[in-house]
Amino acid sequence: MDYVIEMLNIRKEFPGIVANDDITLQVQKGEIHALLGENGAGKSTLMNVLFGLYKPEKGSIKVNGKEVNIEDPNVANELGIGMVHQHFMLVDTFTVTENIVLGSEPSKAGTVDIKAAEKEVQALSEKYGLNVDATAKIRDISVGMQQRVEILKTLYRGAEILILDEPTAVLTPQEIKELIQIMQDLVKEGKSIILITHKLKEIMQVCDKCTIIRKGKGIGTVDVNETNPTELASLMVGREVNFKTDKTPGSPTETALSIKDLRVKDSRGVEMVKGLNLDVRKGEILGIAGVDGNGQTELVEALTGLKKSSSGQVSLNNNSIYNLEPRKVTEAGVAHIPQDRHKHGLLLDFPIGENMVLQNYYMEPNSKNGILNFKKIYEKARSLIKEYDVRTPDEYTKARALSGGNQQKAIIAREVDRSPDLLIAAQPTRGLDVGAIEFIHSKLIEERDKQRAVLLVSFELDEIMNVSDRIAVMFDGQIIAEVKPEETDEQELGLLMAGRKSEKRGEA
């Protein structure tokens, strides 16, 4: 059989950890091949070996049947391999074209011929139906568009094999749909795609084959049309996974969080939260459903002290927390799982143990008279790492070295361990695998069952429907409807999220 890529018996080690242990991956021409595994299973490491960013300790790589030595990404590019990384490698202040041609600029009389480059980029964009504006600045375009720029960058360099690393982790449902179409178009043009993911729905929708990695070892390759999500999930985590969240009905009591006529502007001075009213009771999970960009981010930032509101009232247990500093909000009994774990959740170059006390490092027993007690800090970190199954070589490992799922578990351990009155969880499972999602959902429900109030903000409809006791739909900066999960469906919620009328409920 003819393979475009063969990675045979690859072994890659880092200090104290074997990331890839004798893994074989074989990809045929013109197929979309999924690489499936939990966070930290070794998927990105394997692809970084293929792209020349890492050198394997053992194993060989063949491209189109010929053994090759991929010493660096330039060699990978010459062999027709392009990679779109999970965290985009784009210069914000440059235009789309300047980013795409960076390092291989066309020149005319010794200067960069940007006009010729723009024409070429625009033609490529049209050929593959990417609809990218070649002259736009990166900082002015959406995340979904930035990803298309990354794809164009690989195509501009002549890529025949594209590696897409968790491409849908940061996309809205509409952008995911468009990306799937783009992938199908690329394959029709004769390209081959390796898709690193742990979203089973997308594998079933778009992939031909799926290779599963578990804890650094290859488990096997399956034909997608001969499998199902349940089988894939258990191959990935090594046990049966429960897709439906187990929870008994909540027993909510009095109001914990009360928001009245809240107004919040974004960094450009545009009002994003427009007179919002909302209550969250003790002993319930209130899910906020909505399409990204309808004021959810600004609402969460205002509630947690990261942004000042322009007017309104916010109280927790009848005490005002309106426009308090973040530390005062925390001390009032609010915990926050932020939607951007790198920006607001962790100090990436600090050890994971120290990250676990960021909210209370200045309190006893973590410090006394302003002096940190590292013995106590790391003792506490060890117990949290164990309780929350944070997979890390040890508590001294830098947060940056952990996989996304384990970084998220560390944040949740820190926030939940403080027994908050209100837990605000913003996109708590974004980019995580089914095993980690199941764990995080169970923790949210545990908090609810301890009579805490939980505010869940998510773009994942499955998550909102599965975990919430009550759903508030946010559109254009306001709550336009409140529904119970058992009395609605995804179609109705989708209509409400678009600000449209629902037959059951009249005008949204």
Protein backbone atom coordinates (compact mmCIF):
# COMPACT_ATOMS: atom_id res chain seq x y z
CA MET A 1 0.00 0.00 0.00
CA ASP A 2 1.25 3.51 -0.84
CA TYR A 3 1.61 5.82 2.14
CA VAL A 4 2.49 9.53 1.93
CA ILE A 5 3.70 9.44 5.53
CA GLU A 6 5.09 6.54 7.55
CA MET A 7 6.34 7.08 11.09
CA LEU A 8 7.73 3.73 12.22
CA ASN A 9 8.44 2.78 15.88
CA ILE A 10 9.02 6.38 17.00
CA ARG A 11 10.38 6.94 20.51
CA LYS A 12 10.73 10.44 21.97
CA GLU A 13 11.90 11.08 25.52
CA PHE A 14 12.07 14.18 27.70
CA PRO A 15 13.72 14.30 31.15
CA GLY A 16 11.69 11.97 33.36
CA ILE A 17 9.06 11.14 30.73
CA VAL A 18 8.64 8.98 27.61
CA ALA A 19 6.29 11.04 25.43
CA ASN A 20 6.21 8.62 22.46
CA ASP A 21 6.88 4.94 23.13
CA ASP A 22 7.31 2.89 19.92
CA ILE A 23 4.48 4.58 17.96
CA THR A 24 3.71 3.80 14.31
CA LEU A 25 1.53 6.07 12.13
CA GLN A 26 0.78 5.44 8.44
CA VAL A 27 -1.17 7.94 6.35
CA GLN A 28 -2.45 7.36 2.81
CA LYS A 29 -2.63 10.00 0.10
CA GLY A 30 -5.88 11.97 -0.03
CA GLU A 31 -7.18 10.93 3.38
CA ILE A 32 -8.03 12.82 6.55
CA HIS A 33 -6.34 10.82 9.30
CA ALA A 34 -7.19 11.59 12.93
CA LEU A 35 -4.65 11.33 15.72
CA LEU A 36 -6.73 10.80 18.84
CA GLY A 37 -5.67 10.79 22.47
CA GLU A 38 -6.18 12.37 25.87
CA ASN A 39 -4.46 15.65 26.78
CA GLY A 40 -0.82 14.75 27.34
CA ALA A 41 -1.02 11.43 25.45
CA GLY A 42 1.82 12.47 23.11
CA LYS A 43 -0.08 13.52 19.95
CA SER A 44 1.53 16.96 19.50
CA THR A 45 4.96 15.54 20.38
CA LEU A 46 4.64 12.94 17.60
CA MET A 47 3.66 15.63 15.07
CA ASN A 48 6.48 17.91 16.26
CA VAL A 49 8.83 15.01 15.43
CA LEU A 50 7.31 14.78 11.95
CA PHE A 51 7.62 18.55 11.48
CA GLY A 52 11.29 18.55 12.53
CA LEU A 53 10.87 20.42 15.82
CA TYR A 54 12.00 17.38 17.85
CA LYS A 55 14.52 14.70 17.08
CA PRO A 56 13.35 11.17 18.01
CA GLU A 57 15.56 8.81 20.03
CA LYS A 58 14.48 5.87 17.87
CA GLY A 59 12.43 5.08 14.77
CA SER A 60 12.32 6.15 11.14
CA ILE A 61 10.18 8.41 8.93
CA LYS A 62 9.30 7.82 5.29
CA VAL A 63 7.70 10.36 2.95
CA ASN A 64 6.21 8.85 -0.21
CA GLY A 65 8.02 5.58 0.50
CA LYS A 66 11.47 7.16 0.87
CA GLU A 67 13.25 7.29 4.22
CA VAL A 68 14.04 10.88 5.24
CA ASN A 69 15.86 12.74 7.99
CA ILE A 70 13.76 15.74 9.04
CA GLU A 71 16.26 17.87 10.93
CA ASP A 72 14.20 21.05 11.15
CA PRO A 73 10.91 22.59 9.88
CA ASN A 74 12.61 23.89 6.72
CA VAL A 75 13.36 20.30 5.69
CA ALA A 76 9.72 19.40 6.48
CA ASN A 77 8.54 22.27 4.25
CA GLU A 78 10.80 21.10 1.42
CA LEU A 79 9.25 17.61 1.77
CA GLY A 80 5.76 19.15 1.43
CA ILE A 81 4.82 18.92 5.14
CA GLY A 82 3.11 21.94 6.73
CA MET A 83 1.89 22.32 10.31
CA VAL A 84 -0.79 24.57 11.80
CA HIS A 85 -0.02 24.78 15.52
CA GLN A 86 -2.65 24.97 18.25
CA HIS A 87 -1.28 28.35 19.36
CA PHE A 88 -0.94 30.39 16.17
CA MET A 89 2.46 31.67 15.08
CA LEU A 90 1.36 35.02 13.66
CA VAL A 91 2.64 38.60 14.03
CA ASP A 92 -0.31 40.72 15.20
CA THR A 93 0.82 43.98 13.62
CA PHE A 94 1.58 42.44 10.20
CA THR A 95 -0.96 41.98 7.42
CA VAL A 96 -2.22 38.56 6.32
CA THR A 97 0.15 38.61 3.33
CA GLU A 98 3.18 39.72 5.35
CA ASN A 99 2.62 36.80 7.74
CA ILE A 100 2.15 34.27 4.94
CA VAL A 101 5.31 35.19 3.01
CA LEU A 102 7.48 35.76 6.09
CA GLY A 103 10.78 33.97 5.46
CA SER A 104 10.08 33.33 1.77
CA GLU A 105 9.24 36.79 0.45
CA PRO A 106 9.11 37.41 -3.32
CA SER A 107 11.54 40.17 -4.24
CA LYS A 108 11.83 42.60 -7.10
CA ALA A 109 15.00 44.63 -7.64
CA GLY A 110 16.19 43.70 -4.15
CA THR A 111 13.00 44.75 -2.33
CA VAL A 112 10.00 42.73 -1.19
CA ASP A 113 7.31 42.76 -3.89
CA ILE A 114 4.33 42.92 -1.53
CA LYS A 115 1.83 43.59 -4.34
CA ALA A 116 2.83 40.38 -6.16
CA ALA A 117 2.64 38.51 -2.87
CA GLU A 118 -0.86 39.88 -2.17
CA LYS A 119 -2.05 38.73 -5.59
CA GLU A 120 -0.64 35.25 -5.05
CA VAL A 121 -2.15 34.97 -1.56
CA GLN A 122 -5.55 36.17 -2.78
CA ALA A 123 -5.47 33.64 -5.65
CA LEU A 124 -4.57 30.80 -3.25
CA SER A 125 -7.31 31.90 -0.85
CA GLU A 126 -9.90 31.82 -3.65
CA LYS A 127 -8.68 28.48 -5.00
CA TYR A 128 -9.26 26.76 -1.64
CA GLY A 129 -12.37 28.74 -0.68
CA LEU A 130 -10.66 30.31 2.35
CA ASN A 131 -12.12 33.83 1.81
CA VAL A 132 -9.24 35.62 3.52
CA ASP A 133 -8.56 39.34 2.95
CA ALA A 134 -4.86 39.44 2.01
CA THR A 135 -4.48 43.08 3.12
CA ALA A 136 -6.13 42.85 6.58
CA LYS A 137 -4.00 43.13 9.72
CA ILE A 138 -3.95 39.98 11.90
CA ARG A 139 -5.10 41.89 15.00
CA ASP A 140 -8.29 42.96 13.17
CA ILE A 141 -9.49 39.50 12.11
CA SER A 142 -11.28 36.74 14.05
CA VAL A 143 -9.58 33.66 15.50
CA GLY A 144 -11.23 31.53 12.80
CA MET A 145 -9.75 33.77 10.08
CA GLN A 146 -6.32 33.67 11.74
CA GLN A 147 -6.44 29.91 11.51
CA ARG A 148 -7.17 30.13 7.78
CA VAL A 149 -4.10 32.37 7.47
CA GLU A 150 -2.04 29.60 9.11
CA ILE A 151 -3.46 27.08 6.62
CA LEU A 152 -2.67 29.45 3.72
CA LYS A 153 0.87 29.85 5.07
CA THR A 154 1.44 26.09 4.67
CA LEU A 155 -0.18 26.01 1.19
CA TYR A 156 1.96 28.98 0.06
CA ARG A 157 5.03 26.91 0.94
CA GLY A 158 3.75 24.04 -1.22
CA ALA A 159 2.45 21.72 1.49
CA GLU A 160 0.92 18.46 0.28
CA ILE A 161 0.55 17.04 3.80
CA LEU A 162 -1.06 19.29 6.41
CA ILE A 163 -0.87 18.69 10.15
CA LEU A 164 -3.67 20.49 12.00
CA ASP A 165 -3.12 20.55 15.79
CA GLU A 166 -6.45 20.83 17.68
CA PRO A 167 -7.81 23.16 14.98
CA THR A 168 -11.31 23.50 16.43
CA ALA A 169 -10.35 24.17 20.07
CA VAL A 170 -10.92 27.92 19.77
CA LEU A 171 -13.58 28.07 17.04
CA THR A 172 -17.30 28.81 17.22
CA PRO A 173 -19.71 26.10 15.93
CA GLN A 174 -20.15 28.04 12.66
CA GLU A 175 -16.37 28.33 12.13
CA ILE A 176 -15.98 24.59 12.84
CA LYS A 177 -18.53 23.84 10.09
CA GLU A 178 -16.59 26.06 7.66
CA LEU A 179 -13.25 24.47 8.62
CA ILE A 180 -14.64 20.98 7.96
CA GLN A 181 -15.68 22.15 4.48
CA ILE A 182 -12.17 23.60 3.89
CA MET A 183 -10.58 20.29 4.92
CA GLN A 184 -12.83 18.35 2.54
CA ASP A 185 -11.95 20.75 -0.30
CA LEU A 186 -8.21 20.36 0.38
CA VAL A 187 -8.48 16.57 0.21
CA LYS A 188 -10.37 16.83 -3.11
CA GLU A 189 -7.36 18.77 -4.41
CA GLY A 190 -5.14 15.79 -3.53
CA LYS A 191 -3.79 16.99 -0.18
CA SER A 192 -3.52 14.68 2.85
CA ILE A 193 -4.42 15.87 6.35
CA ILE A 194 -3.40 14.67 9.81
CA LEU A 195 -5.88 16.01 12.34
CA ILE A 196 -4.82 16.06 16.00
CA THR A 197 -8.00 16.12 18.05
CA HIS A 198 -10.02 14.62 20.87
CA LYS A 199 -13.41 15.74 19.57
CA LEU A 200 -15.12 12.49 18.64
CA LYS A 201 -18.00 14.18 16.81
CA GLU A 202 -15.58 15.79 14.34
CA ILE A 203 -13.67 12.54 13.76
CA MET A 204 -16.93 10.76 12.90
CA GLN A 205 -17.91 13.64 10.59
CA VAL A 206 -14.77 14.22 8.57
CA CYS A 207 -12.05 11.54 9.05
CA ASP A 208 -11.29 8.36 7.10
CA LYS A 209 -8.96 6.68 9.59
CA CYS A 210 -8.10 7.23 13.23
CA THR A 211 -4.91 6.30 15.09
CA ILE A 212 -5.28 6.23 18.87
CA ILE A 213 -2.50 7.05 21.35
CA ARG A 214 -2.83 6.39 25.07
CA LYS A 215 -0.19 7.52 27.59
CA GLY A 216 2.48 7.68 24.89
CA LYS A 217 1.77 4.27 23.34
CA GLY A 218 0.07 3.48 20.02
CA ILE A 219 -3.19 1.59 20.66
CA GLY A 220 -4.06 1.01 17.01
CA THR A 221 -5.66 2.41 13.86
CA VAL A 222 -9.36 2.03 13.01
CA ASP A 223 -11.55 2.78 10.00
CA VAL A 224 -13.88 5.58 11.08
CA ASN A 225 -16.87 4.14 9.20
CA GLU A 226 -16.46 0.89 11.16
CA THR A 227 -16.41 2.44 14.65
CA ASN A 228 -18.50 4.74 16.90
CA PRO A 229 -17.85 7.49 19.48
CA THR A 230 -18.27 5.12 22.45
CA GLU A 231 -15.62 2.71 21.14
CA LEU A 232 -13.22 5.56 20.28
CA ALA A 233 -13.65 7.10 23.75
CA SER A 234 -12.88 3.86 25.55
CA LEU A 235 -9.85 3.18 23.29
CA MET A 236 -8.62 6.69 24.09
CA VAL A 237 -8.94 6.62 27.89
CA GLY A 238 -8.75 2.87 28.53
CA ARG A 239 -12.14 2.61 30.21
CA GLU A 240 -15.79 3.24 29.45
CA VAL A 241 -16.69 6.93 29.30
CA ASN A 242 -20.03 8.31 30.37
CA PHE A 243 -21.14 10.92 27.83
CA LYS A 244 -24.24 11.81 29.82
CA THR A 245 -23.40 13.62 33.03
CA ASP A 246 -24.72 11.74 36.06
CA LYS A 247 -26.57 14.14 38.27
CA THR A 248 -29.63 14.16 40.49
CA PRO A 249 -31.92 17.23 40.38
CA GLY A 250 -30.49 20.13 42.39
CA SER A 251 -32.22 21.64 45.40
CA PRO A 252 -31.59 25.37 45.03
CA THR A 253 -32.26 27.65 47.99
CA GLU A 254 -31.81 31.42 48.35
CA THR A 255 -30.13 33.73 45.83
CA ALA A 256 -26.33 33.84 46.09
CA LEU A 257 -25.39 36.09 43.13
CA SER A 258 -27.65 38.95 42.13
CA ILE A 259 -26.93 41.13 39.07
CA LYS A 260 -29.13 44.16 38.36
CA ASP A 261 -29.02 46.41 35.29
CA LEU A 262 -25.29 45.77 34.71
CA ARG A 263 -23.56 47.68 31.94
CA VAL A 264 -19.99 46.93 30.81
CA LYS A 265 -17.91 48.34 27.96
CA ASP A 266 -15.11 46.52 26.14
CA SER A 267 -11.56 47.86 25.66
CA ARG A 268 -12.73 49.89 22.65
CA GLY A 269 -15.41 51.64 24.74
CA VAL A 270 -18.27 49.74 23.05
CA GLU A 271 -21.04 48.68 25.44
CA MET A 272 -21.14 44.87 25.42
CA VAL A 273 -23.27 44.16 28.51
CA LYS A 274 -26.44 46.24 28.20
CA GLY A 275 -28.51 46.41 31.36
CA LEU A 276 -28.23 42.70 32.24
CA ASN A 277 -30.28 41.14 35.06
CA LEU A 278 -29.55 37.68 36.46
CA ASP A 279 -29.77 35.70 39.70
CA VAL A 280 -27.88 32.49 40.59
CA ARG A 281 -29.08 30.51 43.60
CA LYS A 282 -27.18 28.36 46.05
CA GLY A 283 -27.30 24.72 45.01
CA GLU A 284 -27.76 25.27 41.27
CA ILE A 285 -25.69 25.42 38.10
CA LEU A 286 -26.88 28.26 35.90
CA GLY A 287 -25.57 27.88 32.34
CA ILE A 288 -25.20 30.91 30.10
CA ALA A 289 -25.65 29.90 26.45
CA GLY A 290 -24.78 32.25 23.62
CA VAL A 291 -22.69 32.74 20.50
CA ASP A 292 -19.22 34.14 21.23
CA GLY A 293 -19.11 37.94 21.18
CA ASN A 294 -22.46 38.66 22.83
CA GLY A 295 -20.93 40.10 26.00
CA GLN A 296 -20.15 36.88 27.91
CA THR A 297 -16.42 37.65 28.25
CA GLU A 298 -17.11 41.20 29.49
CA LEU A 299 -19.72 39.91 31.95
CA VAL A 300 -17.31 37.39 33.49
CA GLU A 301 -14.48 39.95 33.64
CA ALA A 302 -16.79 42.46 35.37
CA LEU A 303 -17.96 39.87 37.93
CA THR A 304 -14.39 38.80 38.75
CA GLY A 305 -12.91 42.31 39.01
CA LEU A 306 -10.85 42.09 35.81
CA LYS A 307 -12.88 44.88 34.20
CA LYS A 308 -14.77 47.86 35.64
CA SER A 309 -18.51 48.10 34.94
CA SER A 310 -20.03 51.46 33.96
CA SER A 311 -23.19 51.03 36.06
CA GLY A 312 -25.44 48.51 37.82
CA GLN A 313 -25.39 46.37 40.96
CA VAL A 314 -23.69 43.06 41.74
CA SER A 315 -24.03 41.37 45.12
CA LEU A 316 -22.99 38.03 46.61
CA ASN A 317 -24.92 36.87 49.68
CA ASN A 318 -26.41 40.41 49.95
CA ASN A 319 -22.93 42.05 50.05
CA SER A 320 -21.96 44.28 47.12
CA ILE A 321 -19.01 43.06 45.05
CA TYR A 322 -19.61 45.69 42.34
CA ASN A 323 -16.31 46.97 40.86
CA LEU A 324 -14.16 45.48 43.62
CA GLU A 325 -10.50 44.67 42.88
CA PRO A 326 -9.91 41.00 41.85
CA ARG A 327 -8.40 40.07 45.24
CA LYS A 328 -11.39 41.58 47.10
CA VAL A 329 -13.77 39.63 44.84
CA THR A 330 -11.85 36.43 45.63
CA GLU A 331 -11.91 37.15 49.36
CA ALA A 332 -15.67 37.78 49.16
CA GLY A 333 -16.08 34.12 48.15
CA VAL A 334 -15.82 34.02 44.35
CA ALA A 335 -13.71 31.43 42.49
CA HIS A 336 -12.94 31.86 38.79
CA ILE A 337 -11.98 29.27 36.16
CA PRO A 338 -11.00 31.70 33.36
CA GLN A 339 -11.71 31.09 29.68
CA ASP A 340 -8.09 31.84 28.76
CA ARG A 341 -6.04 29.65 31.09
CA HIS A 342 -2.73 31.02 29.84
CA LYS A 343 -3.64 34.70 30.13
CA HIS A 344 -5.65 34.73 33.35
CA GLY A 345 -5.21 31.30 34.94
CA LEU A 346 -1.51 30.48 35.26
CA LEU A 347 1.98 31.90 35.49
CA LEU A 348 3.40 29.57 32.86
CA ASP A 349 7.04 29.88 33.92
CA PHE A 350 6.28 29.22 37.60
CA PRO A 351 6.25 25.67 39.00
CA ILE A 352 2.78 24.09 39.00
CA GLY A 353 3.00 23.84 42.83
CA GLU A 354 3.30 27.62 43.18
CA ASN A 355 0.48 28.15 40.66
CA MET A 356 -1.79 26.25 43.02
CA VAL A 357 -1.53 28.96 45.72
CA LEU A 358 -1.89 32.05 43.53
CA GLN A 359 -5.18 32.95 45.24
CA ASN A 360 -3.99 32.56 48.83
CA TYR A 361 -0.17 32.61 48.88
CA TYR A 362 -0.26 35.64 51.22
CA MET A 363 -2.36 33.83 53.86
CA GLU A 364 -1.33 31.34 56.55
CA PRO A 365 -0.11 28.59 56.32
CA ASN A 366 1.37 29.57 52.93
CA SER A 367 3.14 32.58 54.42
CA LYS A 368 3.77 34.29 57.72
CA ASN A 369 4.78 37.94 58.23
CA GLY A 370 5.19 38.25 54.44
CA ILE A 371 7.58 35.29 54.14
CA LEU A 372 6.49 32.36 51.97
CA ASN A 373 6.53 28.89 53.52
CA PHE A 374 7.54 26.76 50.52
CA LYS A 375 7.41 23.54 52.54
CA LYS A 376 3.68 24.08 53.23
CA ILE A 377 3.01 25.35 49.67
CA TYR A 378 4.48 22.23 48.05
CA GLU A 379 2.88 19.91 50.60
CA LYS A 380 -0.52 21.35 49.69
CA ALA A 381 0.29 21.16 45.97
CA ARG A 382 1.18 17.46 46.28
CA SER A 383 -2.17 16.64 47.88
CA LEU A 384 -4.12 18.63 45.24
CA ILE A 385 -2.15 17.03 42.38
CA LYS A 386 -3.12 13.62 43.75
CA GLU A 387 -6.78 14.47 44.44
CA TYR A 388 -7.37 16.06 41.02
CA ASP A 389 -5.22 13.60 39.05
CA VAL A 390 -2.99 16.35 37.61
CA ARG A 391 -0.50 14.45 35.47
CA THR A 392 2.89 16.08 35.96
CA PRO A 393 6.38 14.66 36.61
CA ASP A 394 6.29 16.50 39.99
CA GLU A 395 5.05 19.68 41.70
CA TYR A 396 8.22 21.58 40.69
CA THR A 397 7.56 21.21 36.93
CA LYS A 398 6.80 24.49 35.17
CA ALA A 399 3.12 24.99 34.35
CA ARG A 400 4.11 25.52 30.69
CA ALA A 401 5.29 21.90 30.40
CA LEU A 402 1.88 20.42 31.28
CA SER A 403 -0.76 19.54 28.67
CA GLY A 404 -3.85 21.75 28.38
CA GLY A 405 -6.05 19.32 30.28
CA ASN A 406 -3.63 19.05 33.17
CA GLN A 407 -3.17 22.83 33.31
CA GLN A 408 -6.98 23.10 33.54
CA LYS A 409 -7.20 20.48 36.30
CA ALA A 410 -4.60 22.45 38.29
CA ILE A 411 -6.66 25.65 37.99
CA ILE A 412 -9.83 23.82 39.05
CA ALA A 413 -8.01 22.25 42.01
CA ARG A 414 -6.86 25.69 43.17
CA GLU A 415 -10.27 27.35 42.75
CA VAL A 416 -12.54 24.59 44.08
CA ASP A 417 -10.29 23.77 47.05
CA ARG A 418 -11.06 27.20 48.56
CA SER A 419 -14.76 26.21 49.00
CA PRO A 420 -16.11 29.33 47.25
CA ASP A 421 -19.72 30.56 47.64
CA LEU A 422 -19.80 31.23 43.89
CA LEU A 423 -17.81 29.33 41.26
CA ILE A 424 -17.63 31.07 37.88
CA ALA A 425 -16.55 28.57 35.21
CA ALA A 426 -15.90 30.15 31.79
CA GLN A 427 -15.34 27.63 28.96
CA PRO A 428 -14.04 25.16 31.59
CA THR A 429 -13.59 22.26 29.12
CA ARG A 430 -12.41 24.12 26.02
CA GLY A 431 -9.85 22.01 24.16
CA LEU A 432 -10.09 19.08 26.60
CA ASP A 433 -10.61 15.38 25.97
CA VAL A 434 -13.67 13.35 27.02
CA GLY A 435 -11.97 11.93 30.13
CA ALA A 436 -11.00 15.41 31.41
CA ILE A 437 -14.44 16.80 30.49
CA GLU A 438 -16.18 14.04 32.46
CA PHE A 439 -13.97 14.82 35.49
CA ILE A 440 -14.55 18.60 35.35
CA HIS A 441 -18.32 18.22 34.98
CA SER A 442 -18.40 15.93 38.03
CA LYS A 443 -16.49 18.60 40.03
CA LEU A 444 -18.99 21.32 39.03
CA ILE A 445 -21.87 19.09 40.13
CA GLU A 446 -20.07 18.26 43.41
CA GLU A 447 -19.83 21.99 44.15
CA ARG A 448 -23.53 22.44 43.40
CA ASP A 449 -24.36 19.53 45.72
CA LYS A 450 -22.45 21.30 48.51
CA GLN A 451 -24.99 24.13 48.10
CA ARG A 452 -22.56 26.40 46.24
CA ALA A 453 -23.75 28.59 43.37
CA VAL A 454 -22.16 27.75 40.00
CA LEU A 455 -22.24 30.06 36.97
CA LEU A 456 -21.21 28.14 33.83
CA VAL A 457 -20.45 30.11 30.66
CA SER A 458 -19.91 27.90 27.61
CA PHE A 459 -20.22 27.94 23.82
CA GLU A 460 -20.62 24.14 23.85
CA LEU A 461 -24.36 23.43 23.68
CA ASP A 462 -23.85 19.80 24.76
CA GLU A 463 -22.14 21.05 27.90
CA ILE A 464 -24.83 23.63 28.70
CA MET A 465 -27.63 21.07 28.19
CA ASN A 466 -25.83 18.32 30.12
CA VAL A 467 -24.63 20.17 33.19
CA SER A 468 -26.98 23.11 33.83
CA ASP A 469 -30.03 23.08 36.08
CA ARG A 470 -31.26 26.29 34.44
CA ILE A 471 -30.16 27.94 31.18
CA ALA A 472 -30.04 31.69 30.51
CA VAL A 473 -29.60 32.68 26.85
CA MET A 474 -27.40 35.74 26.28
CA PHE A 475 -27.80 37.75 23.10
CA ASP A 476 -26.50 41.24 22.33
CA GLY A 477 -25.47 41.93 25.93
CA GLN A 478 -28.69 40.86 27.60
CA ILE A 479 -30.40 37.75 28.95
CA ILE A 480 -33.24 37.26 26.46
CA ALA A 481 -34.67 33.96 27.72
CA GLU A 482 -34.45 31.48 30.58
CA VAL A 483 -35.24 27.80 29.98
CA LYS A 484 -34.87 24.46 31.74
CA PRO A 485 -32.67 21.88 29.96
CA GLU A 486 -35.38 19.21 30.17
CA GLU A 487 -37.90 21.54 28.49
CA THR A 488 -35.77 22.62 25.52
CA ASP A 489 -33.54 21.18 22.78
CA GLU A 490 -30.45 22.26 20.83
CA GLN A 491 -32.56 23.57 17.95
CA GLU A 492 -34.57 25.91 20.14
CA LEU A 493 -31.48 27.07 22.01
CA GLY A 494 -29.72 27.70 18.69
CA LEU A 495 -32.59 29.92 17.54
CA LEU A 496 -32.62 31.84 20.83
CA MET A 497 -28.83 32.28 20.66
CA ALA A 498 -29.26 33.87 17.24
CA GLY A 499 -31.83 36.27 18.76
CA ARG A 500 -34.61 34.61 16.81
CA LYS A 501 -38.16 33.71 17.74
CA SER A 502 -38.86 30.32 19.25
CA GLU A 503 -42.24 28.82 18.38
CA LYS A 504 -42.66 27.53 21.93
CA ARG A 505 -41.97 30.83 23.61
CA GLY A 506 -42.92 33.64 21.23
CA GLU A 507 -40.45 36.49 20.61
CA ALA A 508 -36.96 36.02 21.97
